[in-house]
Every structure is written in C-alpha cells, then in structure tokens.
Amino acid sequence: MGGVTQPWDPNPVFRALPPDEFAAFRDPGYVKIVWTLRADPVGDGKSVFRTETRAVATDSESRKKFRRYWSLLSPGIIAIRRAMLPVPGEFVLMQQLVFGISRDNVSASDMI
C-alpha cells in the first residue's frame, strides 16, 4: 500500500496512487510513503506479524520538513501503531464477534 502526503500539515491527506503513478510521482512538496502488513510462518502453525513503513521526500525542502516532523512525532506515532495493530488472538476474537467465525475454523494463514 502506498500514498503521497504532506504529513507535517495539521490535517494531512493521504492520496493513494496506482503503482505506476506512485513510482513516477515527483511533485515537489510531498513525501511518498509505502507500508506492508504480513505474517511470516515460524513453524508449527504459528506466525509472526510484521509491518514495515518506508518514506521518501520528493525534494530537499520536503525532506527537511519530514525529518523535523518525524523527529518530534515518531515516538507517539509508533506507540499508536503498536496499540492499533491487533494481536493475533485479538484478531481471531474480532473475526468471531464480527463475522461469527469459529476459532476452530481460523488458521494462522487467516491472521491477516
């Protein structure tokens, strides 16, 4: 997943772009951000949930703004991300409550 934004703006708007447009996007004044969510198998029907985010500014001024923004706000952003990402067991419970899925019918591969 990815988008372009000006995260330092008080009300940032994330614009999703198709992959080919995202790769070619060069408008000054933005940061291109991509992120992944994945589950890596670790054996015995278990997996580790991982997320990764990468960002690149489209020009030097945006890079300066983003570095300032990230240096001040990253601890809070990271804490919120950790709090918002479901623990796999909680994810299974959520599936049970929302979709009526039995725990017996949910495997590690269903955790995403």
PDB file of N, CA and C in Angstrom:
ATOM      1  N   MET A   1       0.844  -1.162   0.000  1.00  0.00           N
ATOM      2  CA  MET A   1       0.000   0.000   0.000  1.00  0.00           C
ATOM      3  C   MET A   1       0.893   1.230   0.000  1.00  0.00           C
ATOM      4  N   GLY A   2       0.421   2.290  -0.567  1.00  0.00           N
ATOM      5  CA  GLY A   2       1.221   3.495  -0.581  1.00  0.00           C
ATOM      6  C   GLY A   2       0.397   4.720  -0.904  1.00  0.00           C
ATOM      7  N   GLY A   3       0.985   5.859  -0.593  1.00  0.00           N
ATOM      8  CA  GLY A   3       0.317   7.112  -0.876  1.00  0.00           C
ATOM      9  C   GLY A   3       1.297   8.264  -0.809  1.00  0.00           C
ATOM     10  N   VAL A   4       0.831   9.423  -1.197  1.00  0.00           N
ATOM     11  CA  VAL A   4       1.637  10.640  -1.099  1.00  0.00           C
ATOM     12  C   VAL A   4       0.914  11.587  -0.157  1.00  0.00           C
ATOM     13  N   THR A   5       1.687  12.360   0.592  1.00  0.00           N
ATOM     14  CA  THR A   5       1.094  13.251   1.581  1.00  0.00           C
ATOM     15  C   THR A   5       2.083  14.328   1.991  1.00  0.00           C
ATOM     16  N   GLN A   6       1.598  15.221   2.784  1.00  0.00           N
ATOM     17  CA  GLN A   6       2.417  16.225   3.459  1.00  0.00           C
ATOM     18  C   GLN A   6       2.150  16.021   4.954  1.00  0.00           C
ATOM     19  N   PRO A   7       2.835  15.082   5.579  1.00  0.00           N
ATOM     20  CA  PRO A   7       2.494  14.682   6.950  1.00  0.00           C
ATOM     21  C   PRO A   7       2.641  15.791   7.979  1.00  0.00           C
ATOM     22  N   TRP A   8       3.422  16.809   7.694  1.00  0.00           N
ATOM     23  CA  TRP A   8       3.611  17.915   8.619  1.00  0.00           C
ATOM     24  C   TRP A   8       2.409  18.865   8.625  1.00  0.00           C
ATOM     25  N   ASP A   9       1.532  18.722   7.649  1.00  0.00           N
ATOM     26  CA  ASP A   9       0.338  19.555   7.596  1.00  0.00           C
ATOM     27  C   ASP A   9      -0.567  19.208   8.788  1.00  0.00           C
ATOM     28  N   PRO A  10      -1.229  20.191   9.413  1.00  0.00           N
ATOM     29  CA  PRO A  10      -2.093  19.892  10.563  1.00  0.00           C
ATOM     30  C   PRO A  10      -3.201  18.876  10.261  1.00  0.00           C
ATOM     31  N   ASN A  11      -3.681  18.832   9.036  1.00  0.00           N
ATOM     32  CA  ASN A  11      -4.705  17.869   8.618  1.00  0.00           C
ATOM     33  C   ASN A  11      -4.249  17.173   7.341  1.00  0.00           C
ATOM     34  N   PRO A  12      -3.259  16.280   7.462  1.00  0.00           N
ATOM     35  CA  PRO A  12      -2.707  15.661   6.245  1.00  0.00           C
ATOM     36  C   PRO A  12      -3.727  14.789   5.526  1.00  0.00           C
ATOM     37  N   VAL A  13      -3.625  14.796   4.220  1.00  0.00           N
ATOM     38  CA  VAL A  13      -4.468  13.962   3.370  1.00  0.00           C
ATOM     39  C   VAL A  13      -3.554  12.979   2.652  1.00  0.00           C
ATOM     40  N   PHE A  14      -3.854  11.687   2.778  1.00  0.00           N
ATOM     41  CA  PHE A  14      -3.087  10.660   2.082  1.00  0.00           C
ATOM     42  C   PHE A  14      -3.795  10.368   0.764  1.00  0.00           C
ATOM     43  N   ARG A  15      -3.069  10.551  -0.331  1.00  0.00           N
ATOM     44  CA  ARG A  15      -3.599  10.276  -1.663  1.00  0.00           C
ATOM     45  C   ARG A  15      -3.036   8.960  -2.144  1.00  0.00           C
ATOM     46  N   ALA A  16      -3.894   7.976  -2.335  1.00  0.00           N
ATOM     47  CA  ALA A  16      -3.461   6.697  -2.896  1.00  0.00           C
ATOM     48  C   ALA A  16      -3.256   6.870  -4.392  1.00  0.00           C
ATOM     49  N   LEU A  17      -2.199   6.261  -4.900  1.00  0.00           N
ATOM     50  CA  LEU A  17      -1.915   6.303  -6.333  1.00  0.00           C
ATOM     51  C   LEU A  17      -1.713   4.890  -6.847  1.00  0.00           C
ATOM     52  N   PRO A  18      -2.125   4.609  -8.088  1.00  0.00           N
ATOM     53  CA  PRO A  18      -1.810   3.309  -8.689  1.00  0.00           C
ATOM     54  C   PRO A  18      -0.285   3.123  -8.722  1.00  0.00           C
ATOM     55  N   PRO A  19       0.190   1.881  -8.667  1.00  0.00           N
ATOM     56  CA  PRO A  19       1.636   1.631  -8.589  1.00  0.00           C
ATOM     57  C   PRO A  19       2.480   2.362  -9.625  1.00  0.00           C
ATOM     58  N   ASP A  20       2.038   2.408 -10.879  1.00  0.00           N
ATOM     59  CA  ASP A  20       2.855   3.074 -11.900  1.00  0.00           C
ATOM     60  C   ASP A  20       2.914   4.583 -11.667  1.00  0.00           C
ATOM     61  N   GLU A  21       1.815   5.190 -11.241  1.00  0.00           N
ATOM     62  CA  GLU A  21       1.812   6.622 -10.939  1.00  0.00           C
ATOM     63  C   GLU A  21       2.623   6.917  -9.679  1.00  0.00           C
ATOM     64  N   PHE A  22       2.522   6.023  -8.706  1.00  0.00           N
ATOM     65  CA  PHE A  22       3.274   6.204  -7.464  1.00  0.00           C
ATOM     66  C   PHE A  22       4.777   6.215  -7.747  1.00  0.00           C
ATOM     67  N   ALA A  23       5.244   5.257  -8.525  1.00  0.00           N
ATOM     68  CA  ALA A  23       6.669   5.168  -8.841  1.00  0.00           C
ATOM     69  C   ALA A  23       7.156   6.421  -9.569  1.00  0.00           C
ATOM     70  N   ALA A  24       6.319   6.983 -10.436  1.00  0.00           N
ATOM     71  CA  ALA A  24       6.724   8.143 -11.234  1.00  0.00           C
ATOM     72  C   ALA A  24       6.465   9.475 -10.531  1.00  0.00           C
ATOM     73  N   PHE A  25       5.770   9.466  -9.404  1.00  0.00           N
ATOM     74  CA  PHE A  25       5.372  10.718  -8.746  1.00  0.00           C
ATOM     75  C   PHE A  25       6.611  11.503  -8.305  1.00  0.00           C
ATOM     76  N   ARG A  26       6.692  12.767  -8.725  1.00  0.00           N
ATOM     77  CA  ARG A  26       7.851  13.618  -8.405  1.00  0.00           C
ATOM     78  C   ARG A  26       7.445  15.032  -7.989  1.00  0.00           C
ATOM     79  N   ASP A  27       6.149  15.286  -7.811  1.00  0.00           N
ATOM     80  CA  ASP A  27       5.706  16.647  -7.471  1.00  0.00           C
ATOM     81  C   ASP A  27       6.422  17.121  -6.211  1.00  0.00           C
ATOM     82  N   PRO A  28       7.017  18.303  -6.246  1.00  0.00           N
ATOM     83  CA  PRO A  28       7.693  18.811  -5.054  1.00  0.00           C
ATOM     84  C   PRO A  28       6.698  19.096  -3.924  1.00  0.00           C
ATOM     85  N   GLY A  29       7.202  18.977  -2.691  1.00  0.00           N
ATOM     86  CA  GLY A  29       6.383  19.310  -1.540  1.00  0.00           C
ATOM     87  C   GLY A  29       5.675  18.132  -0.907  1.00  0.00           C
ATOM     88  N   TYR A  30       6.059  16.909  -1.273  1.00  0.00           N
ATOM     89  CA  TYR A  30       5.374  15.713  -0.774  1.00  0.00           C
ATOM     90  C   TYR A  30       6.359  14.683  -0.230  1.00  0.00           C
ATOM     91  N   VAL A  31       5.783  13.726   0.487  1.00  0.00           N
ATOM     92  CA  VAL A  31       6.504  12.528   0.910  1.00  0.00           C
ATOM     93  C   VAL A  31       5.730  11.343   0.360  1.00  0.00           C
ATOM     94  N   LYS A  32       6.445  10.413  -0.263  1.00  0.00           N
ATOM     95  CA  LYS A  32       5.854   9.167  -0.734  1.00  0.00           C
ATOM     96  C   LYS A  32       6.046   8.141   0.378  1.00  0.00           C
ATOM     97  N   ILE A  33       4.953   7.503   0.798  1.00  0.00           N
ATOM     98  CA  ILE A  33       5.005   6.551   1.906  1.00  0.00           C
ATOM     99  C   ILE A  33       4.413   5.224   1.443  1.00  0.00           C
ATOM    100  N   VAL A  34       5.125   4.143   1.725  1.00  0.00           N
ATOM    101  CA  VAL A  34       4.621   2.790   1.452  1.00  0.00           C
ATOM    102  C   VAL A  34       4.683   1.985   2.741  1.00  0.00           C
ATOM    103  N   TRP A  35       3.765   1.041   2.874  1.00  0.00           N
ATOM    104  CA  TRP A  35       3.773   0.194   4.059  1.00  0.00           C
ATOM    105  C   TRP A  35       3.276  -1.194   3.691  1.00  0.00           C
ATOM    106  N   THR A  36       3.706  -2.149   4.501  1.00  0.00           N
ATOM    107  CA  THR A  36       3.299  -3.534   4.307  1.00  0.00           C
ATOM    108  C   THR A  36       2.795  -4.089   5.630  1.00  0.00           C
ATOM    109  N   LEU A  37       1.927  -5.060   5.526  1.00  0.00           N
ATOM    110  CA  LEU A  37       1.472  -5.863   6.649  1.00  0.00           C
ATOM    111  C   LEU A  37       1.637  -7.306   6.195  1.00  0.00           C
ATOM    112  N   ARG A  38       2.272  -8.141   7.015  1.00  0.00           N
ATOM    113  CA  ARG A  38       2.465  -9.521   6.583  1.00  0.00           C
ATOM    114  C   ARG A  38       2.599 -10.438   7.795  1.00  0.00           C
ATOM    115  N   ALA A  39       2.382 -11.711   7.541  1.00  0.00           N
ATOM    116  CA  ALA A  39       2.589 -12.737   8.559  1.00  0.00           C
ATOM    117  C   ALA A  39       3.620 -13.709   8.017  1.00  0.00           C
ATOM    118  N   ASP A  40       4.710 -13.890   8.746  1.00  0.00           N
ATOM    119  CA  ASP A  40       5.763 -14.820   8.340  1.00  0.00           C
ATOM    120  C   ASP A  40       5.639 -16.096   9.168  1.00  0.00           C
ATOM    121  N   PRO A  41       5.562 -17.262   8.504  1.00  0.00           N
ATOM    122  CA  PRO A  41       5.462 -18.514   9.252  1.00  0.00           C
ATOM    123  C   PRO A  41       6.736 -18.779  10.059  1.00  0.00           C
ATOM    124  N   VAL A  42       6.545 -19.271  11.275  1.00  0.00           N
ATOM    125  CA  VAL A  42       7.689 -19.622  12.121  1.00  0.00           C
ATOM    126  C   VAL A  42       7.610 -21.079  12.566  1.00  0.00           C
ATOM    127  N   GLY A  43       6.740 -21.843  11.940  1.00  0.00           N
ATOM    128  CA  GLY A  43       6.637 -23.271  12.210  1.00  0.00           C
ATOM    129  C   GLY A  43       5.498 -23.610  13.151  1.00  0.00           C
ATOM    130  N   ASP A  44       5.100 -24.873  13.101  1.00  0.00           N
ATOM    131  CA  ASP A  44       4.076 -25.431  13.988  1.00  0.00           C
ATOM    132  C   ASP A  44       2.780 -24.623  13.961  1.00  0.00           C
ATOM    133  N   GLY A  45       2.385 -24.160  12.778  1.00  0.00           N
ATOM    134  CA  GLY A  45       1.137 -23.423  12.643  1.00  0.00           C
ATOM    135  C   GLY A  45       1.148 -22.040  13.260  1.00  0.00           C
ATOM    136  N   LYS A  46       2.332 -21.510  13.529  1.00  0.00           N
ATOM    137  CA  LYS A  46       2.446 -20.184  14.135  1.00  0.00           C
ATOM    138  C   LYS A  46       3.057 -19.212  13.133  1.00  0.00           C
ATOM    139  N   SER A  47       2.827 -17.932  13.378  1.00  0.00           N
ATOM    140  CA  SER A  47       3.408 -16.911  12.514  1.00  0.00           C
ATOM    141  C   SER A  47       3.719 -15.668  13.329  1.00  0.00           C
ATOM    142  N   VAL A  48       4.559 -14.820  12.741  1.00  0.00           N
ATOM    143  CA  VAL A  48       4.919 -13.540  13.342  1.00  0.00           C
ATOM    144  C   VAL A  48       4.337 -12.453  12.453  1.00  0.00           C
ATOM    145  N   PHE A  49       3.597 -11.548  13.066  1.00  0.00           N
ATOM    146  CA  PHE A  49       3.002 -10.439  12.326  1.00  0.00           C
ATOM    147  C   PHE A  49       4.020  -9.317  12.238  1.00  0.00           C
ATOM    148  N   ARG A  50       4.212  -8.759  11.032  1.00  0.00           N
ATOM    149  CA  ARG A  50       5.194  -7.695  10.825  1.00  0.00           C
ATOM    150  C   ARG A  50       4.576  -6.563  10.006  1.00  0.00           C
ATOM    151  N   THR A  51       5.062  -5.371  10.275  1.00  0.00           N
ATOM    152  CA  THR A  51       4.689  -4.213   9.474  1.00  0.00           C
ATOM    153  C   THR A  51       5.956  -3.419   9.195  1.00  0.00           C
ATOM    154  N   GLU A  52       6.021  -2.851   8.013  1.00  0.00           N
ATOM    155  CA  GLU A  52       7.184  -2.041   7.644  1.00  0.00           C
ATOM    156  C   GLU A  52       6.685  -0.818   6.889  1.00  0.00           C
ATOM    157  N   THR A  53       7.280   0.324   7.192  1.00  0.00           N
ATOM    158  CA  THR A  53       6.924   1.574   6.525  1.00  0.00           C
ATOM    159  C   THR A  53       8.191   2.231   5.998  1.00  0.00           C
ATOM    160  N   ARG A  54       8.113   2.748   4.792  1.00  0.00           N
ATOM    161  CA  ARG A  54       9.229   3.491   4.195  1.00  0.00           C
ATOM    162  C   ARG A  54       8.702   4.795   3.622  1.00  0.00           C
ATOM    163  N   ALA A  55       9.539   5.816   3.701  1.00  0.00           N
ATOM    164  CA  ALA A  55       9.137   7.130   3.206  1.00  0.00           C
ATOM    165  C   ALA A  55      10.296   7.781   2.476  1.00  0.00           C
ATOM    166  N   VAL A  56       9.962   8.541   1.422  1.00  0.00           N
ATOM    167  CA  VAL A  56      10.964   9.302   0.691  1.00  0.00           C
ATOM    168  C   VAL A  56      10.335  10.624   0.257  1.00  0.00           C
ATOM    169  N   ALA A  57      11.057  11.695   0.492  1.00  0.00           N
ATOM    170  CA  ALA A  57      10.575  13.024   0.111  1.00  0.00           C
ATOM    171  C   ALA A  57      10.864  13.266  -1.367  1.00  0.00           C
ATOM    172  N   THR A  58      10.033  14.094  -1.968  1.00  0.00           N
ATOM    173  CA  THR A  58      10.188  14.365  -3.398  1.00  0.00           C
ATOM    174  C   THR A  58      11.145  15.517  -3.691  1.00  0.00           C
ATOM    175  N   ASP A  59      11.590  16.249  -2.649  1.00  0.00           N
ATOM    176  CA  ASP A  59      12.555  17.329  -2.846  1.00  0.00           C
ATOM    177  C   ASP A  59      13.235  17.622  -1.516  1.00  0.00           C
ATOM    178  N   SER A  60      14.291  18.414  -1.548  1.00  0.00           N
ATOM    179  CA  SER A  60      15.092  18.650  -0.341  1.00  0.00           C
ATOM    180  C   SER A  60      14.320  19.406   0.748  1.00  0.00           C
ATOM    181  N   GLU A  61      13.486  20.349   0.373  1.00  0.00           N
ATOM    182  CA  GLU A  61      12.703  21.080   1.384  1.00  0.00           C
ATOM    183  C   GLU A  61      11.716  20.147   2.089  1.00  0.00           C
ATOM    184  N   SER A  62      11.075  19.269   1.335  1.00  0.00           N
ATOM    185  CA  SER A  62      10.154  18.301   1.935  1.00  0.00           C
ATOM    186  C   SER A  62      10.897  17.329   2.836  1.00  0.00           C
ATOM    187  N   ARG A  63      12.118  16.975   2.437  1.00  0.00           N
ATOM    188  CA  ARG A  63      12.935  16.095   3.279  1.00  0.00           C
ATOM    189  C   ARG A  63      13.221  16.765   4.623  1.00  0.00           C
ATOM    190  N   LYS A  64      13.567  18.044   4.614  1.00  0.00           N
ATOM    191  CA  LYS A  64      13.828  18.772   5.864  1.00  0.00           C
ATOM    192  C   LYS A  64      12.576  18.816   6.738  1.00  0.00           C
ATOM    193  N   LYS A  65      11.434  19.120   6.118  1.00  0.00           N
ATOM    194  CA  LYS A  65      10.173  19.180   6.874  1.00  0.00           C
ATOM    195  C   LYS A  65       9.827  17.814   7.462  1.00  0.00           C
ATOM    196  N   PHE A  66      10.015  16.768   6.655  1.00  0.00           N
ATOM    197  CA  PHE A  66       9.684  15.420   7.132  1.00  0.00           C
ATOM    198  C   PHE A  66      10.614  14.996   8.265  1.00  0.00           C
ATOM    199  N   ARG A  67      11.897  15.273   8.145  1.00  0.00           N
ATOM    200  CA  ARG A  67      12.848  14.903   9.210  1.00  0.00           C
ATOM    201  C   ARG A  67      12.482  15.601  10.518  1.00  0.00           C
ATOM    202  N   ARG A  68      12.119  16.869  10.444  1.00  0.00           N
ATOM    203  CA  ARG A  68      11.698  17.617  11.641  1.00  0.00           C
ATOM    204  C   ARG A  68      10.422  17.000  12.226  1.00  0.00           C
ATOM    205  N   TYR A  69       9.440  16.763  11.366  1.00  0.00           N
ATOM    206  CA  TYR A  69       8.176  16.152  11.762  1.00  0.00           C
ATOM    207  C   TYR A  69       8.426  14.802  12.437  1.00  0.00           C
ATOM    208  N   TRP A  70       9.223  13.948  11.789  1.00  0.00           N
ATOM    209  CA  TRP A  70       9.444  12.596  12.297  1.00  0.00           C
ATOM    210  C   TRP A  70      10.232  12.619  13.599  1.00  0.00           C
ATOM    211  N   SER A  71      11.198  13.495  13.711  1.00  0.00           N
ATOM    212  CA  SER A  71      11.996  13.537  14.944  1.00  0.00           C
ATOM    213  C   SER A  71      11.137  13.943  16.142  1.00  0.00           C
ATOM    214  N   LEU A  72      10.134  14.764  15.928  1.00  0.00           N
ATOM    215  CA  LEU A  72       9.269  15.200  17.027  1.00  0.00           C
ATOM    216  C   LEU A  72       8.134  14.220  17.320  1.00  0.00           C
ATOM    217  N   LEU A  73       7.531  13.662  16.294  1.00  0.00           N
ATOM    218  CA  LEU A  73       6.299  12.899  16.478  1.00  0.00           C
ATOM    219  C   LEU A  73       6.434  11.384  16.388  1.00  0.00           C
ATOM    220  N   SER A  74       7.577  10.875  15.949  1.00  0.00           N
ATOM    221  CA  SER A  74       7.688   9.425  15.755  1.00  0.00           C
ATOM    222  C   SER A  74       7.432   8.599  17.009  1.00  0.00           C
ATOM    223  N   PRO A  75       7.874   9.002  18.215  1.00  0.00           N
ATOM    224  CA  PRO A  75       7.575   8.152  19.382  1.00  0.00           C
ATOM    225  C   PRO A  75       6.068   7.943  19.581  1.00  0.00           C
ATOM    226  N   GLY A  76       5.288   8.992  19.433  1.00  0.00           N
ATOM    227  CA  GLY A  76       3.837   8.858  19.568  1.00  0.00           C
ATOM    228  C   GLY A  76       3.214   8.054  18.447  1.00  0.00           C
ATOM    229  N   ILE A  77       3.703   8.264  17.229  1.00  0.00           N
ATOM    230  CA  ILE A  77       3.174   7.529  16.078  1.00  0.00           C
ATOM    231  C   ILE A  77       3.445   6.041  16.237  1.00  0.00           C
ATOM    232  N   ILE A  78       4.640   5.701  16.673  1.00  0.00           N
ATOM    233  CA  ILE A  78       4.994   4.292  16.872  1.00  0.00           C
ATOM    234  C   ILE A  78       4.136   3.686  17.972  1.00  0.00           C
ATOM    235  N   ALA A  79       3.915   4.402  19.061  1.00  0.00           N
ATOM    236  CA  ALA A  79       3.077   3.898  20.153  1.00  0.00           C
ATOM    237  C   ALA A  79       1.644   3.668  19.690  1.00  0.00           C
ATOM    238  N   ILE A  80       1.117   4.601  18.910  1.00  0.00           N
ATOM    239  CA  ILE A  80      -0.247   4.442  18.394  1.00  0.00           C
ATOM    240  C   ILE A  80      -0.326   3.240  17.469  1.00  0.00           C
ATOM    241  N   ARG A  81       0.658   3.087  16.605  1.00  0.00           N
ATOM    242  CA  ARG A  81       0.660   1.938  15.681  1.00  0.00           C
ATOM    243  C   ARG A  81       0.654   0.631  16.447  1.00  0.00           C
ATOM    244  N   ARG A  82       1.494   0.532  17.451  1.00  0.00           N
ATOM    245  CA  ARG A  82       1.539  -0.702  18.248  1.00  0.00           C
ATOM    246  C   ARG A  82       0.213  -0.950  18.960  1.00  0.00           C
ATOM    247  N   ALA A  83      -0.414   0.103  19.444  1.00  0.00           N
ATOM    248  CA  ALA A  83      -1.689  -0.047  20.131  1.00  0.00           C
ATOM    249  C   ALA A  83      -2.814  -0.421  19.162  1.00  0.00           C
ATOM    250  N   MET A  84      -2.730   0.056  17.921  1.00  0.00           N
ATOM    251  CA  MET A  84      -3.800  -0.170  16.961  1.00  0.00           C
ATOM    252  C   MET A  84      -3.703  -1.505  16.233  1.00  0.00           C
ATOM    253  N   LEU A  85      -2.507  -2.051  16.107  1.00  0.00           N
ATOM    254  CA  LEU A  85      -2.358  -3.321  15.405  1.00  0.00           C
ATOM    255  C   LEU A  85      -2.858  -4.443  16.302  1.00  0.00           C
ATOM    256  N   PRO A  86      -3.768  -5.263  15.800  1.00  0.00           N
ATOM    257  CA  PRO A  86      -4.323  -6.314  16.649  1.00  0.00           C
ATOM    258  C   PRO A  86      -3.310  -7.418  16.927  1.00  0.00           C
ATOM    259  N   VAL A  87      -3.342  -7.884  18.144  1.00  0.00           N
ATOM    260  CA  VAL A  87      -2.594  -9.083  18.499  1.00  0.00           C
ATOM    261  C   VAL A  87      -3.337 -10.232  17.827  1.00  0.00           C
ATOM    262  N   PRO A  88      -2.642 -11.224  17.252  1.00  0.00           N
ATOM    263  CA  PRO A  88      -3.355 -12.272  16.512  1.00  0.00           C
ATOM    264  C   PRO A  88      -4.541 -12.881  17.263  1.00  0.00           C
ATOM    265  N   GLY A  89      -4.405 -13.155  18.543  1.00  0.00           N
ATOM    266  CA  GLY A  89      -5.529 -13.712  19.296  1.00  0.00           C
ATOM    267  C   GLY A  89      -6.705 -12.763  19.328  1.00  0.00           C
ATOM    268  N   GLU A  90      -6.419 -11.467  19.447  1.00  0.00           N
ATOM    269  CA  GLU A  90      -7.493 -10.474  19.427  1.00  0.00           C
ATOM    270  C   GLU A  90      -8.110 -10.398  18.040  1.00  0.00           C
ATOM    271  N   PHE A  91      -7.292 -10.619  17.006  1.00  0.00           N
ATOM    272  CA  PHE A  91      -7.803 -10.614  15.643  1.00  0.00           C
ATOM    273  C   PHE A  91      -8.786 -11.760  15.446  1.00  0.00           C
ATOM    274  N   VAL A  92      -8.448 -12.930  15.983  1.00  0.00           N
ATOM    275  CA  VAL A  92      -9.346 -14.082  15.891  1.00  0.00           C
ATOM    276  C   VAL A  92     -10.644 -13.772  16.620  1.00  0.00           C
ATOM    277  N   LEU A  93     -10.543 -13.187  17.831  1.00  0.00           N
ATOM    278  CA  LEU A  93     -11.737 -12.825  18.590  1.00  0.00           C
ATOM    279  C   LEU A  93     -12.588 -11.830  17.801  1.00  0.00           C
ATOM    280  N   MET A  94     -11.944 -10.860  17.160  1.00  0.00           N
ATOM    281  CA  MET A  94     -12.672  -9.882  16.355  1.00  0.00           C
ATOM    282  C   MET A  94     -13.415 -10.588  15.219  1.00  0.00           C
ATOM    283  N   GLN A  95     -12.755 -11.548  14.564  1.00  0.00           N
ATOM    284  CA  GLN A  95     -13.413 -12.287  13.488  1.00  0.00           C
ATOM    285  C   GLN A  95     -14.623 -13.050  14.021  1.00  0.00           C
ATOM    286  N   GLN A  96     -14.457 -13.632  15.205  1.00  0.00           N
ATOM    287  CA  GLN A  96     -15.566 -14.374  15.797  1.00  0.00           C
ATOM    288  C   GLN A  96     -16.753 -13.452  16.074  1.00  0.00           C
ATOM    289  N   LEU A  97     -16.479 -12.287  16.648  1.00  0.00           N
ATOM    290  CA  LEU A  97     -17.543 -11.366  17.013  1.00  0.00           C
ATOM    291  C   LEU A  97     -18.205 -10.737  15.798  1.00  0.00           C
ATOM    292  N   VAL A  98     -17.399 -10.311  14.831  1.00  0.00           N
ATOM    293  CA  VAL A  98     -17.939  -9.584  13.682  1.00  0.00           C
ATOM    294  C   VAL A  98     -18.529 -10.523  12.645  1.00  0.00           C
ATOM    295  N   PHE A  99     -17.830 -11.619  12.355  1.00  0.00           N
ATOM    296  CA  PHE A  99     -18.241 -12.487  11.257  1.00  0.00           C
ATOM    297  C   PHE A  99     -18.834 -13.818  11.708  1.00  0.00           C
ATOM    298  N   GLY A 100     -18.855 -14.063  13.014  1.00  0.00           N
ATOM    299  CA  GLY A 100     -19.390 -15.321  13.506  1.00  0.00           C
ATOM    300  C   GLY A 100     -18.529 -16.514  13.146  1.00  0.00           C
ATOM    301  N   ILE A 101     -17.221 -16.281  12.968  1.00  0.00           N
ATOM    302  CA  ILE A 101     -16.296 -17.357  12.598  1.00  0.00           C
ATOM    303  C   ILE A 101     -15.851 -18.080  13.860  1.00  0.00           C
ATOM    304  N   SER A 102     -15.915 -19.380  13.841  1.00  0.00           N
ATOM    305  CA  SER A 102     -15.480 -20.177  14.977  1.00  0.00           C
ATOM    306  C   SER A 102     -13.962 -20.191  15.054  1.00  0.00           C
ATOM    307  N   ARG A 103     -13.427 -20.165  16.273  1.00  0.00           N
ATOM    308  CA  ARG A 103     -11.970 -20.237  16.472  1.00  0.00           C
ATOM    309  C   ARG A 103     -11.403 -21.478  15.805  1.00  0.00           C
ATOM    310  N   ASP A 104     -12.178 -22.572  15.771  1.00  0.00           N
ATOM    311  CA  ASP A 104     -11.702 -23.818  15.165  1.00  0.00           C
ATOM    312  C   ASP A 104     -11.516 -23.696  13.654  1.00  0.00           C
ATOM    313  N   ASN A 105     -12.180 -22.706  13.055  1.00  0.00           N
ATOM    314  CA  ASN A 105     -12.108 -22.540  11.600  1.00  0.00           C
ATOM    315  C   ASN A 105     -11.121 -21.483  11.159  1.00  0.00           C
ATOM    316  N   VAL A 106     -10.325 -20.929  12.087  1.00  0.00           N
ATOM    317  CA  VAL A 106      -9.373 -19.868  11.761  1.00  0.00           C
ATOM    318  C   VAL A 106      -7.971 -20.425  11.911  1.00  0.00           C
ATOM    319  N   SER A 107      -7.177 -20.334  10.838  1.00  0.00           N
ATOM    320  CA  SER A 107      -5.802 -20.814  10.893  1.00  0.00           C
ATOM    321  C   SER A 107      -4.838 -19.629  10.923  1.00  0.00           C
ATOM    322  N   ALA A 108      -3.554 -19.933  11.115  1.00  0.00           N
ATOM    323  CA  ALA A 108      -2.537 -18.883  11.148  1.00  0.00           C
ATOM    324  C   ALA A 108      -2.528 -18.075   9.860  1.00  0.00           C
ATOM    325  N   SER A 109      -2.838 -18.721   8.746  1.00  0.00           N
ATOM    326  CA  SER A 109      -2.833 -18.002   7.469  1.00  0.00           C
ATOM    327  C   SER A 109      -4.010 -17.022   7.370  1.00  0.00           C
ATOM    328  N   ASP A 110      -4.989 -17.129   8.250  1.00  0.00           N
ATOM    329  CA  ASP A 110      -6.125 -16.214   8.251  1.00  0.00           C
ATOM    330  C   ASP A 110      -5.879 -14.976   9.095  1.00  0.00           C
ATOM    331  N   MET A 111      -4.724 -14.877   9.690  1.00  0.00           N
ATOM    332  CA  MET A 111      -4.448 -13.802  10.641  1.00  0.00           C
ATOM    333  C   MET A 111      -4.269 -12.453   9.987  1.00  0.00           C
ATOM    334  N   ILE A 112      -4.245 -12.374   8.673  1.00  0.00           N
ATOM    335  CA  ILE A 112      -4.120 -11.072   8.007  1.00  0.00           C
ATOM    336  C   ILE A 112      -5.396 -10.792   7.269  1.00  0.00           C
TER     337      ILE A 112
END
